Amino acid sequence: MAAKGKGGSTVAAVQALADRIAGELGLRIWDITFTKEGASFYLRIFIDKDGGVGIEDCERFSRAIDEPLDELDPIEQGYCLEVCSPGIERALTKPAHFTACIGQRVMVRMIRPVDGERDFKGVLEDYDGGSITVRLDSGRGLTFTKKETGFIKLDDFETADFN
């Protein structure tokens, strides 16, 4: 949901501020969403860094953005701010996600079956802005567009370091 706040898209307004603050803290913004769930609105800022994000990073970023976000005031209604990690099996939704993750394992769920299957795993081989190519575990390549998928996520659960 791309809700509108003062002066344009809420997410776009928050993105510039979040990018600046994240950079100052040695973090990067993975994604920002502004959604209505039931009667409440949620502004979720997903942060990332090399080696992964911990609760301390989320707290630090939340404290750093709280006052500047209040001053920017891009959201007309009340909302809950959540700062979190994109987590394991993070969704790839933006062009930058795809280019950054070339060579990594992904899980893909197609909206419509391809050769009788909807779920695929393999290595993200290429992204050209419109087409996504995954080298499947079977060895064959599968090329498709984002709009043909239900989701594309990193398949890093088995290789995650929980220590």
C-alpha atoms as a PDB file:
ATOM      1  CA  MET A   1       0.000   0.000   0.000  1.00  0.00           C
ATOM      2  CA  ALA A   2       1.616   3.228  -1.084  1.00  0.00           C
ATOM      3  CA  ALA A   3      -0.209   5.544   1.258  1.00  0.00           C
ATOM      4  CA  LYS A   4       0.119   9.246   0.687  1.00  0.00           C
ATOM      5  CA  GLY A   5       1.436  11.535   3.357  1.00  0.00           C
ATOM      6  CA  LYS A   6       2.282  15.216   3.256  1.00  0.00           C
ATOM      7  CA  GLY A   7       4.085  16.117   0.042  1.00  0.00           C
ATOM      8  CA  GLY A   8       3.888  12.776  -1.802  1.00  0.00           C
ATOM      9  CA  SER A   9       4.561   9.134  -1.188  1.00  0.00           C
ATOM     10  CA  THR A  10       5.112   8.253   2.459  1.00  0.00           C
ATOM     11  CA  VAL A  11       7.680   5.599   1.677  1.00  0.00           C
ATOM     12  CA  ALA A  12       9.648   7.885  -0.647  1.00  0.00           C
ATOM     13  CA  ALA A  13       9.747  10.633   1.976  1.00  0.00           C
ATOM     14  CA  VAL A  14      10.909   8.247   4.685  1.00  0.00           C
ATOM     15  CA  GLN A  15      13.433   6.540   2.356  1.00  0.00           C
ATOM     16  CA  ALA A  16      15.661   9.607   1.966  1.00  0.00           C
ATOM     17  CA  LEU A  17      15.754  10.218   5.719  1.00  0.00           C
ATOM     18  CA  ALA A  18      16.268   6.531   6.540  1.00  0.00           C
ATOM     19  CA  ASP A  19      19.081   6.155   3.987  1.00  0.00           C
ATOM     20  CA  ARG A  20      20.964   9.089   5.530  1.00  0.00           C
ATOM     21  CA  ILE A  21      20.609   7.854   9.103  1.00  0.00           C
ATOM     22  CA  ALA A  22      21.412   4.251   8.180  1.00  0.00           C
ATOM     23  CA  GLY A  23      24.600   5.398   6.437  1.00  0.00           C
ATOM     24  CA  GLU A  24      25.678   7.317   9.541  1.00  0.00           C
ATOM     25  CA  LEU A  25      25.217   4.131  11.610  1.00  0.00           C
ATOM     26  CA  GLY A  26      26.973   1.784   9.180  1.00  0.00           C
ATOM     27  CA  LEU A  27      23.677   0.203   8.095  1.00  0.00           C
ATOM     28  CA  ARG A  28      21.689   0.017   4.855  1.00  0.00           C
ATOM     29  CA  ILE A  29      17.990   0.133   4.232  1.00  0.00           C
ATOM     30  CA  TRP A  30      16.691  -3.120   2.744  1.00  0.00           C
ATOM     31  CA  ASP A  31      13.062  -2.025   2.431  1.00  0.00           C
ATOM     32  CA  ILE A  32      10.401   0.293   3.811  1.00  0.00           C
ATOM     33  CA  THR A  33       6.681  -0.471   3.909  1.00  0.00           C
ATOM     34  CA  PHE A  34       3.703   1.530   5.102  1.00  0.00           C
ATOM     35  CA  THR A  35       0.632  -0.646   5.515  1.00  0.00           C
ATOM     36  CA  LYS A  36      -2.723  -0.741   7.212  1.00  0.00           C
ATOM     37  CA  GLU A  37      -3.415  -3.876   9.211  1.00  0.00           C
ATOM     38  CA  GLY A  38      -6.859  -3.912  10.762  1.00  0.00           C
ATOM     39  CA  ALA A  39      -7.430  -0.480  12.243  1.00  0.00           C
ATOM     40  CA  SER A  40      -3.723   0.318  12.663  1.00  0.00           C
ATOM     41  CA  PHE A  41      -1.041   1.690  10.352  1.00  0.00           C
ATOM     42  CA  TYR A  42       2.542   0.371  10.435  1.00  0.00           C
ATOM     43  CA  LEU A  43       5.686   1.988   9.118  1.00  0.00           C
ATOM     44  CA  ARG A  44       8.260  -0.820   8.878  1.00  0.00           C
ATOM     45  CA  ILE A  45      11.866  -0.061   8.133  1.00  0.00           C
ATOM     46  CA  PHE A  46      14.003  -3.114   7.366  1.00  0.00           C
ATOM     47  CA  ILE A  47      17.700  -2.507   8.019  1.00  0.00           C
ATOM     48  CA  ASP A  48      20.684  -4.609   6.988  1.00  0.00           C
ATOM     49  CA  LYS A  49      24.467  -4.737   7.286  1.00  0.00           C
ATOM     50  CA  ASP A  50      27.265  -7.122   6.431  1.00  0.00           C
ATOM     51  CA  GLY A  51      27.245  -9.943   8.945  1.00  0.00           C
ATOM     52  CA  GLY A  52      23.569  -9.461   9.782  1.00  0.00           C
ATOM     53  CA  VAL A  53      21.513  -7.207  12.006  1.00  0.00           C
ATOM     54  CA  GLY A  54      20.974  -7.658  15.733  1.00  0.00           C
ATOM     55  CA  ILE A  55      18.420  -6.232  18.117  1.00  0.00           C
ATOM     56  CA  GLU A  56      20.968  -3.608  19.172  1.00  0.00           C
ATOM     57  CA  ASP A  57      21.152  -2.319  15.580  1.00  0.00           C
ATOM     58  CA  CYS A  58      17.362  -2.072  15.438  1.00  0.00           C
ATOM     59  CA  GLU A  59      17.226  -0.188  18.739  1.00  0.00           C
ATOM     60  CA  ARG A  60      20.031   2.164  17.696  1.00  0.00           C
ATOM     61  CA  PHE A  61      18.397   2.951  14.360  1.00  0.00           C
ATOM     62  CA  SER A  62      14.953   3.374  15.941  1.00  0.00           C
ATOM     63  CA  ARG A  63      16.313   5.880  18.459  1.00  0.00           C
ATOM     64  CA  ALA A  64      18.260   7.748  15.769  1.00  0.00           C
ATOM     65  CA  ILE A  65      15.310   8.117  13.382  1.00  0.00           C
ATOM     66  CA  ASP A  66      12.566   8.808  15.927  1.00  0.00           C
ATOM     67  CA  GLU A  67      13.019  12.586  16.342  1.00  0.00           C
ATOM     68  CA  PRO A  68      13.953  13.366  12.688  1.00  0.00           C
ATOM     69  CA  LEU A  69      10.918  11.337  11.550  1.00  0.00           C
ATOM     70  CA  ASP A  70       8.661  13.342  13.875  1.00  0.00           C
ATOM     71  CA  GLU A  71      10.123  16.559  12.428  1.00  0.00           C
ATOM     72  CA  LEU A  72       9.654  15.349   8.840  1.00  0.00           C
ATOM     73  CA  ASP A  73       6.056  14.355   9.682  1.00  0.00           C
ATOM     74  CA  PRO A  74       5.335  12.490   6.401  1.00  0.00           C
ATOM     75  CA  ILE A  75       2.352  10.549   7.794  1.00  0.00           C
ATOM     76  CA  GLU A  76      -0.968  12.221   8.484  1.00  0.00           C
ATOM     77  CA  GLN A  77      -2.482   9.544  10.734  1.00  0.00           C
ATOM     78  CA  GLY A  78      -1.175   7.762  13.812  1.00  0.00           C
ATOM     79  CA  TYR A  79       1.106   4.780  13.144  1.00  0.00           C
ATOM     80  CA  CYS A  80       3.447   2.308  14.792  1.00  0.00           C
ATOM     81  CA  LEU A  81       7.133   2.422  13.805  1.00  0.00           C
ATOM     82  CA  GLU A  82       8.833  -0.969  13.568  1.00  0.00           C
ATOM     83  CA  VAL A  83      12.551  -1.301  12.807  1.00  0.00           C
ATOM     84  CA  CYS A  84      13.618  -4.834  12.011  1.00  0.00           C
ATOM     85  CA  SER A  85      15.935  -7.110  10.085  1.00  0.00           C
ATOM     86  CA  PRO A  86      14.768  -8.379   6.689  1.00  0.00           C
ATOM     87  CA  GLY A  87      15.478 -11.757   8.241  1.00  0.00           C
ATOM     88  CA  ILE A  88      16.427 -15.063   6.872  1.00  0.00           C
ATOM     89  CA  GLU A  89      14.683 -15.942   3.593  1.00  0.00           C
ATOM     90  CA  ARG A  90      14.245 -12.223   2.901  1.00  0.00           C
ATOM     91  CA  ALA A  91      11.980 -11.236   0.037  1.00  0.00           C
ATOM     92  CA  LEU A  92      13.581  -9.793  -3.090  1.00  0.00           C
ATOM     93  CA  THR A  93      11.283  -7.015  -4.271  1.00  0.00           C
ATOM     94  CA  LYS A  94      13.413  -4.196  -5.696  1.00  0.00           C
ATOM     95  CA  PRO A  95      15.854  -4.105  -8.618  1.00  0.00           C
ATOM     96  CA  ALA A  96      18.713  -3.433  -6.170  1.00  0.00           C
ATOM     97  CA  HIS A  97      17.812  -6.610  -4.268  1.00  0.00           C
ATOM     98  CA  PHE A  98      18.122  -8.710  -7.415  1.00  0.00           C
ATOM     99  CA  THR A  99      21.418  -7.224  -8.542  1.00  0.00           C
ATOM    100  CA  ALA A 100      22.899  -7.527  -5.041  1.00  0.00           C
ATOM    101  CA  CYS A 101      21.863 -11.177  -4.754  1.00  0.00           C
ATOM    102  CA  ILE A 102      23.080 -12.549  -8.097  1.00  0.00           C
ATOM    103  CA  GLY A 103      24.888 -15.800  -7.381  1.00  0.00           C
ATOM    104  CA  GLN A 104      22.876 -16.552  -4.254  1.00  0.00           C
ATOM    105  CA  ARG A 105      20.300 -19.294  -3.695  1.00  0.00           C
ATOM    106  CA  VAL A 106      16.648 -18.303  -4.052  1.00  0.00           C
ATOM    107  CA  MET A 107      13.190 -19.794  -3.671  1.00  0.00           C
ATOM    108  CA  VAL A 108      10.576 -18.834  -6.242  1.00  0.00           C
ATOM    109  CA  ARG A 109       6.826 -19.356  -6.129  1.00  0.00           C
ATOM    110  CA  MET A 110       5.150 -18.817  -9.478  1.00  0.00           C
ATOM    111  CA  ILE A 111       1.553 -17.594  -9.669  1.00  0.00           C
ATOM    112  CA  ARG A 112       0.792 -20.108 -12.414  1.00  0.00           C
ATOM    113  CA  PRO A 113       2.445 -23.526 -12.666  1.00  0.00           C
ATOM    114  CA  VAL A 114       5.383 -24.012 -15.031  1.00  0.00           C
ATOM    115  CA  ASP A 115       5.572 -27.609 -16.253  1.00  0.00           C
ATOM    116  CA  GLY A 116       3.135 -28.545 -13.483  1.00  0.00           C
ATOM    117  CA  GLU A 117       5.230 -26.941 -10.688  1.00  0.00           C
ATOM    118  CA  ARG A 118       4.836 -23.640  -8.834  1.00  0.00           C
ATOM    119  CA  ASP A 119       7.779 -23.789  -6.405  1.00  0.00           C
ATOM    120  CA  PHE A 120      11.403 -23.728  -7.526  1.00  0.00           C
ATOM    121  CA  LYS A 121      14.840 -23.460  -5.900  1.00  0.00           C
ATOM    122  CA  GLY A 122      18.113 -22.540  -7.500  1.00  0.00           C
ATOM    123  CA  VAL A 123      20.740 -19.837  -7.926  1.00  0.00           C
ATOM    124  CA  LEU A 124      19.824 -16.334  -9.070  1.00  0.00           C
ATOM    125  CA  GLU A 125      21.816 -16.149 -12.264  1.00  0.00           C
ATOM    126  CA  ASP A 126      20.770 -12.910 -13.931  1.00  0.00           C
ATOM    127  CA  TYR A 127      18.556  -9.840 -13.622  1.00  0.00           C
ATOM    128  CA  ASP A 128      18.230  -7.385 -16.474  1.00  0.00           C
ATOM    129  CA  GLY A 129      15.573  -5.039 -15.126  1.00  0.00           C
ATOM    130  CA  GLY A 130      12.680  -7.012 -16.543  1.00  0.00           C
ATOM    131  CA  SER A 131      13.675 -10.645 -16.640  1.00  0.00           C
ATOM    132  CA  ILE A 132      14.947 -12.794 -13.809  1.00  0.00           C
ATOM    133  CA  THR A 133      16.896 -15.978 -14.542  1.00  0.00           C
ATOM    134  CA  VAL A 134      17.353 -18.737 -11.987  1.00  0.00           C
ATOM    135  CA  ARG A 135      19.567 -21.779 -12.546  1.00  0.00           C
ATOM    136  CA  LEU A 136      17.385 -24.468 -10.977  1.00  0.00           C
ATOM    137  CA  ASP A 137      18.765 -27.299  -8.878  1.00  0.00           C
ATOM    138  CA  SER A 138      17.885 -29.607 -11.790  1.00  0.00           C
ATOM    139  CA  GLY A 139      20.417 -27.669 -13.910  1.00  0.00           C
ATOM    140  CA  ARG A 140      17.967 -26.000 -16.257  1.00  0.00           C
ATOM    141  CA  GLY A 141      17.456 -22.263 -16.436  1.00  0.00           C
ATOM    142  CA  LEU A 142      14.105 -20.627 -15.703  1.00  0.00           C
ATOM    143  CA  THR A 143      13.519 -17.064 -16.914  1.00  0.00           C
ATOM    144  CA  PHE A 144      10.466 -15.072 -15.828  1.00  0.00           C
ATOM    145  CA  THR A 145       9.291 -11.602 -14.785  1.00  0.00           C
ATOM    146  CA  LYS A 146       8.592 -10.479 -11.221  1.00  0.00           C
ATOM    147  CA  LYS A 147       4.881 -10.104 -11.949  1.00  0.00           C
ATOM    148  CA  GLU A 148       4.679 -13.835 -12.745  1.00  0.00           C
ATOM    149  CA  THR A 149       5.703 -14.699  -9.186  1.00  0.00           C
ATOM    150  CA  GLY A 150       4.007 -14.855  -5.830  1.00  0.00           C
ATOM    151  CA  PHE A 151       7.376 -14.316  -4.179  1.00  0.00           C
ATOM    152  CA  ILE A 152      11.127 -14.573  -4.633  1.00  0.00           C
ATOM    153  CA  LYS A 153      13.125 -15.039  -1.437  1.00  0.00           C
ATOM    154  CA  LEU A 154      16.691 -15.836  -0.515  1.00  0.00           C
ATOM    155  CA  ASP A 155      17.065 -19.531   0.264  1.00  0.00           C
ATOM    156  CA  ASP A 156      19.635 -19.091   2.989  1.00  0.00           C
ATOM    157  CA  PHE A 157      17.953 -20.882   5.888  1.00  0.00           C
ATOM    158  CA  GLU A 158      20.159 -23.976   5.661  1.00  0.00           C
ATOM    159  CA  THR A 159      23.377 -21.942   5.516  1.00  0.00           C
ATOM    160  CA  ALA A 160      22.485 -19.414   8.219  1.00  0.00           C
ATOM    161  CA  ASP A 161      24.814 -18.967  11.169  1.00  0.00           C
ATOM    162  CA  PHE A 162      22.730 -18.880  14.351  1.00  0.00           C
ATOM    163  CA  ASN A 163      25.730 -18.481  16.678  1.00  0.00           C
END
